[in-house]
Protein backbone atom coordinates (compact mmCIF):
# COMPACT_ATOMS: atom_id res chain seq x y z
CA MET A 1 -2.63 35.03 0.02
CA THR A 2 -1.63 33.89 -3.45
CA LYS A 3 1.96 33.72 -2.28
CA TYR A 4 1.33 31.67 0.86
CA GLY A 5 -1.89 29.71 0.37
CA ASP A 6 -1.58 27.73 3.60
CA ALA A 7 -1.70 30.96 5.59
CA LEU A 8 -5.46 30.52 5.33
CA LYS A 9 -5.28 28.25 8.39
CA PHE A 10 -4.49 31.29 10.52
CA ALA A 11 -7.36 33.36 9.15
CA ALA A 12 -10.54 34.30 10.99
CA VAL A 13 -13.73 32.36 10.23
CA THR A 14 -15.13 35.28 8.26
CA ILE A 15 -12.08 35.16 5.99
CA THR A 16 -12.22 31.40 5.41
CA ALA A 17 -15.81 31.92 4.26
CA ASP A 18 -14.77 34.55 1.71
CA LYS A 19 -14.77 32.92 -1.72
CA GLU A 20 -12.37 35.41 -3.29
CA VAL A 21 -9.80 34.90 -0.54
CA VAL A 22 -10.08 31.12 -0.53
CA LEU A 23 -9.88 30.98 -4.32
CA ALA A 24 -6.63 32.94 -4.18
CA ALA A 25 -5.30 30.59 -1.49
CA VAL A 26 -6.10 27.31 -3.28
CA THR A 27 -4.68 28.67 -6.52
CA LYS A 28 -1.35 28.80 -4.71
CA SER A 29 -1.78 25.70 -2.53
CA GLY A 30 -4.62 23.32 -3.36
CA ASP A 31 -4.51 21.70 0.06
CA ALA A 32 -5.43 25.05 1.63
CA LEU A 33 -8.98 23.95 0.85
CA ARG A 34 -8.91 22.08 4.17
CA PHE A 35 -9.03 25.42 6.02
CA ALA A 36 -11.98 26.82 4.07
CA ALA A 37 -15.44 27.21 5.55
CA GLU A 38 -17.79 24.30 4.84
CA ALA A 39 -19.91 26.32 2.42
CA ILE A 40 -16.81 27.17 0.37
CA LYS A 41 -15.82 23.50 0.23
CA ALA A 42 -19.09 22.97 -1.65
CA ASP A 43 -18.28 25.67 -4.22
CA LYS A 44 -17.36 23.94 -7.47
CA GLU A 45 -15.22 26.78 -8.82
CA VAL A 46 -13.09 26.81 -5.67
CA VAL A 47 -12.79 23.02 -5.50
CA LEU A 48 -11.84 22.75 -9.17
CA ALA A 49 -9.11 25.32 -8.64
CA ALA A 50 -7.86 23.37 -5.63
CA VAL A 51 -7.76 19.93 -7.26
CA THR A 52 -6.20 21.36 -10.41
CA LYS A 53 -3.33 22.52 -8.20
CA SER A 54 -3.28 19.43 -5.97
CA GLY A 55 -5.33 16.32 -6.74
CA GLY A 56 -5.23 15.32 -3.09
CA ALA A 57 -7.29 18.37 -2.18
CA LEU A 58 -10.33 16.37 -3.26
CA GLN A 59 -10.40 14.82 0.20
CA PHE A 60 -11.31 18.21 1.67
CA ALA A 61 -14.18 18.93 -0.74
CA ASP A 62 -17.80 18.67 0.26
CA ASP A 63 -19.16 15.18 -0.38
CA SER A 64 -21.51 16.56 -3.05
CA LEU A 65 -18.51 17.52 -5.19
CA LYS A 66 -16.81 14.16 -4.71
CA HIS A 67 -19.73 12.89 -6.82
CA ASP A 68 -18.88 15.37 -9.59
CA ARG A 69 -17.16 13.83 -12.64
CA GLU A 70 -15.49 17.06 -13.71
CA VAL A 71 -13.95 17.55 -10.28
CA ALA A 72 -12.87 13.91 -9.99
CA LEU A 73 -11.39 13.95 -13.49
CA ALA A 74 -9.37 17.08 -12.69
CA ALA A 75 -8.12 15.53 -9.43
CA ALA A 76 -7.19 12.23 -11.08
CA THR A 77 -5.41 13.98 -13.95
CA GLN A 78 -3.40 16.18 -11.60
CA SER A 79 -2.48 13.10 -9.55
CA GLY A 80 -0.94 11.45 -12.61
CA CYS A 81 -3.58 8.77 -13.11
CA THR A 82 -4.37 7.36 -16.54
CA VAL A 83 -7.90 8.66 -17.11
CA ASN A 84 -10.08 10.05 -19.89
CA ASN A 85 -13.30 12.01 -20.35
CA GLY A 86 -15.31 8.88 -21.11
CA MET A 87 -14.74 7.24 -17.74
CA SER A 88 -17.53 6.94 -15.19
CA MET A 89 -17.26 8.35 -11.69
CA LYS A 90 -16.50 4.90 -10.29
CA GLU A 91 -13.84 4.28 -12.94
CA LEU A 92 -12.14 7.57 -12.07
CA VAL A 93 -12.09 6.69 -8.37
CA LEU A 94 -10.74 3.21 -9.12
CA ALA A 95 -7.99 4.74 -11.27
CA MET A 96 -6.92 6.91 -8.34
CA ILE A 97 -7.14 4.05 -5.84
CA ASN A 98 -5.16 1.69 -8.07
CA LYS A 99 -2.35 4.26 -7.91
CA ASP A 100 -2.62 4.74 -4.15
CA GLY A 101 -5.00 2.83 -1.88
CA GLY A 102 -5.11 5.77 0.51
CA ARG A 103 -7.04 7.70 -2.10
CA LEU A 104 -10.14 5.90 -0.92
CA GLN A 105 -10.55 9.02 1.21
CA PHE A 106 -11.15 10.99 -2.01
CA ALA A 107 -14.27 8.95 -2.80
CA SER A 108 -17.80 9.92 -1.87
CA ASP A 109 -19.31 8.00 1.01
CA SER A 110 -21.46 5.97 -1.38
CA LEU A 111 -18.37 4.75 -3.27
CA ARG A 112 -16.64 3.98 0.00
CA ASN A 113 -19.48 1.52 0.50
CA ASP A 114 -18.86 -0.15 -2.88
CA ASN A 115 -17.28 -3.60 -2.56
CA GLU A 116 -15.21 -3.29 -5.74
CA VAL A 117 -13.82 0.09 -4.70
CA VAL A 118 -12.96 -0.99 -1.15
CA LEU A 119 -11.45 -4.27 -2.42
CA ALA A 120 -9.19 -2.29 -4.77
CA ALA A 121 -8.13 0.04 -1.95
CA ALA A 122 -7.44 -2.85 0.42
CA THR A 123 -5.48 -4.76 -2.21
CA GLN A 124 -3.39 -1.75 -3.20
CA SER A 125 -2.70 -1.06 0.47
CA GLY A 126 -1.22 -4.54 0.86
CA CYS A 127 -4.03 -6.10 2.88
CA THR A 128 -4.72 -9.83 2.72
CA VAL A 129 -8.14 -9.82 1.04
CA ASN A 130 -10.09 -11.59 -1.68
CA ASP A 131 -13.18 -10.89 -3.77
CA GLY A 132 -15.23 -13.32 -1.68
CA MET A 133 -15.07 -11.07 1.38
CA ASN A 134 -18.02 -8.90 2.35
CA MET A 135 -17.70 -5.16 2.99
CA LYS A 136 -17.17 -5.36 6.73
CA GLU A 137 -14.52 -8.07 6.31
CA LEU A 138 -12.66 -5.86 3.83
CA VAL A 139 -12.81 -2.85 6.14
CA LEU A 140 -11.66 -4.92 9.12
CA ALA A 141 -8.71 -6.21 7.08
CA MET A 142 -7.74 -2.63 6.23
CA VAL A 143 -7.84 -1.24 9.75
CA ASN A 144 -6.18 -4.39 11.10
CA LYS A 145 -3.20 -3.65 8.87
CA ASP A 146 -3.17 0.06 9.63
CA GLY A 147 -5.49 1.66 12.16
CA ASN A 148 -4.96 5.04 10.50
CA LEU A 149 -7.04 3.77 7.57
CA LEU A 150 -10.07 4.17 9.82
CA GLN A 151 -10.23 7.78 8.66
CA HIS A 152 -10.67 6.63 5.05
CA VAL A 153 -13.61 4.24 5.42
CA SER A 154 -17.26 5.19 5.11
CA ALA A 155 -19.11 6.92 7.95
CA ASN A 156 -21.17 3.87 8.85
CA PHE A 157 -18.01 1.83 9.48
CA ARG A 158 -16.43 4.65 11.50
CA ALA A 159 -19.49 4.22 13.75
CA ASP A 160 -19.05 0.42 13.94
CA LYS A 161 -17.54 -0.57 17.29
CA ASP A 162 -15.90 -3.69 15.86
CA VAL A 163 -14.13 -1.65 13.19
CA VAL A 164 -13.09 1.16 15.56
CA ARG A 165 -11.82 -1.38 18.09
CA GLU A 166 -9.78 -3.18 15.43
CA GLY A 167 -8.34 0.10 14.21
CA ILE A 168 -7.29 1.13 17.69
CA ARG A 169 -5.76 -2.28 18.33
CA SER A 170 -3.32 -1.77 15.47
CA ILE A 171 -2.16 1.74 16.42
CA GLU A 172 1.07 1.91 18.40
CA LEU A 173 0.20 -0.72 21.01
CA ASP A 174 3.82 -0.59 22.15
CA HIS A 175 3.43 3.07 23.14
CA PRO A 176 4.15 3.84 26.84
CA CYS A 177 0.51 4.81 27.27
CA TYR A 178 -0.34 1.08 27.16
CA ALA A 179 2.15 0.09 29.86
CA GLY A 180 0.49 -1.88 32.62
CA LEU A 181 -2.49 -3.00 30.58
CA THR A 182 -3.31 -6.69 30.66
CA ALA A 183 -1.68 -9.01 28.17
CA GLY A 184 -3.32 -8.91 24.78
CA VAL A 185 -5.54 -6.11 23.57
CA PRO A 186 -7.69 -4.30 26.13
CA CYS A 187 -11.33 -3.51 25.51
CA LEU A 188 -12.27 -0.44 23.53
CA PHE A 189 -13.22 1.54 26.63
CA ASP A 190 -9.86 0.88 28.28
CA VAL A 191 -7.95 1.74 25.12
CA LEU A 192 -9.78 5.04 24.80
CA LYS A 193 -8.93 5.94 28.39
CA HIS A 194 -5.27 5.64 27.38
CA ASN A 195 -5.57 6.90 23.82
CA GLY A 196 -8.59 9.16 23.59
CA ALA A 197 -7.28 10.86 20.46
CA SER A 198 -7.88 7.67 18.50
CA ILE A 199 -11.62 8.20 18.68
CA GLU A 200 -11.37 11.23 16.39
CA SER A 201 -11.83 9.08 13.30
CA ALA A 202 -15.10 7.77 14.70
CA PRO A 203 -18.19 9.99 14.52
CA THR A 204 -20.14 10.75 17.67
CA THR A 205 -23.18 9.03 16.18
CA GLY A 206 -23.30 5.39 17.16
CA MET A 207 -20.66 5.64 19.89
CA SER A 208 -21.70 5.67 23.54
CA THR A 209 -21.34 8.67 25.83
CA ASN A 210 -19.04 6.62 28.05
CA LEU A 211 -16.64 5.98 25.16
CA HIS A 212 -16.41 9.63 24.29
CA SER A 213 -16.05 10.55 27.96
CA ALA A 214 -13.14 8.13 28.20
CA ALA A 215 -11.59 9.74 25.16
CA ALA A 216 -12.12 13.26 26.45
CA THR A 217 -10.60 12.64 29.86
CA THR A 218 -7.37 11.06 28.64
CA SER A 219 -4.20 13.13 28.74
CA CYS A 220 -2.08 10.83 26.64
CA GLY A 221 -2.67 10.73 22.87
CA VAL A 222 -0.82 8.67 20.29
CA GLY A 223 -1.04 8.17 16.56
CA PRO A 224 -1.97 10.79 13.98
CA TRP A 225 -4.50 12.55 16.19
CA ALA A 226 -2.21 13.00 19.20
CA ASN A 227 -2.53 16.19 21.22
CA ARG A 228 -5.61 17.35 19.30
CA HIS A 229 -8.23 16.66 21.99
């Protein structure tokens, strides 16, 4: 396992819940943390080993450890950010985001609901935003520019129909799946019938049964979640 850390993705559930095995895997490939059992993703020793190898592995850690300064500092350092031991949790996250707006996904859900943090992520991602915009306006600007950013925003916005709709509108609308739809952007329900995979960034909570049924019955997926439903 130490030689091929990503082989963990092929392991049985009992193996992905074995701390010793997962620790060996993330020591070789930090991103192998994504294949670990949920309980292991909340183990600080394992997560520290993962982010020390690959700062980006922080995105796969349990949310409780995304609040941990030691873990965040290790991830930021490994990612080449200019950080120090005296920085607060928010400062560490901002340092990572100022290097790459996509690193918003590394933040805890509470920080993904912080205006300053989201503004920094949106700005670094090239969105047209300003510090007078409220949180929802910032999130809408992000997913309008790139629907894939829906996976990086906080859980409450992934359950917001306006945000999900805007994200879907910006994902590959020229794809053949959309042929024959009316001019302009179709409603969320119609989009999901053609691109059910897009709903995977939105949690079940807050979304109607009909929307998820439309997503589940589609046979044509586009974007980063294609062919996963």
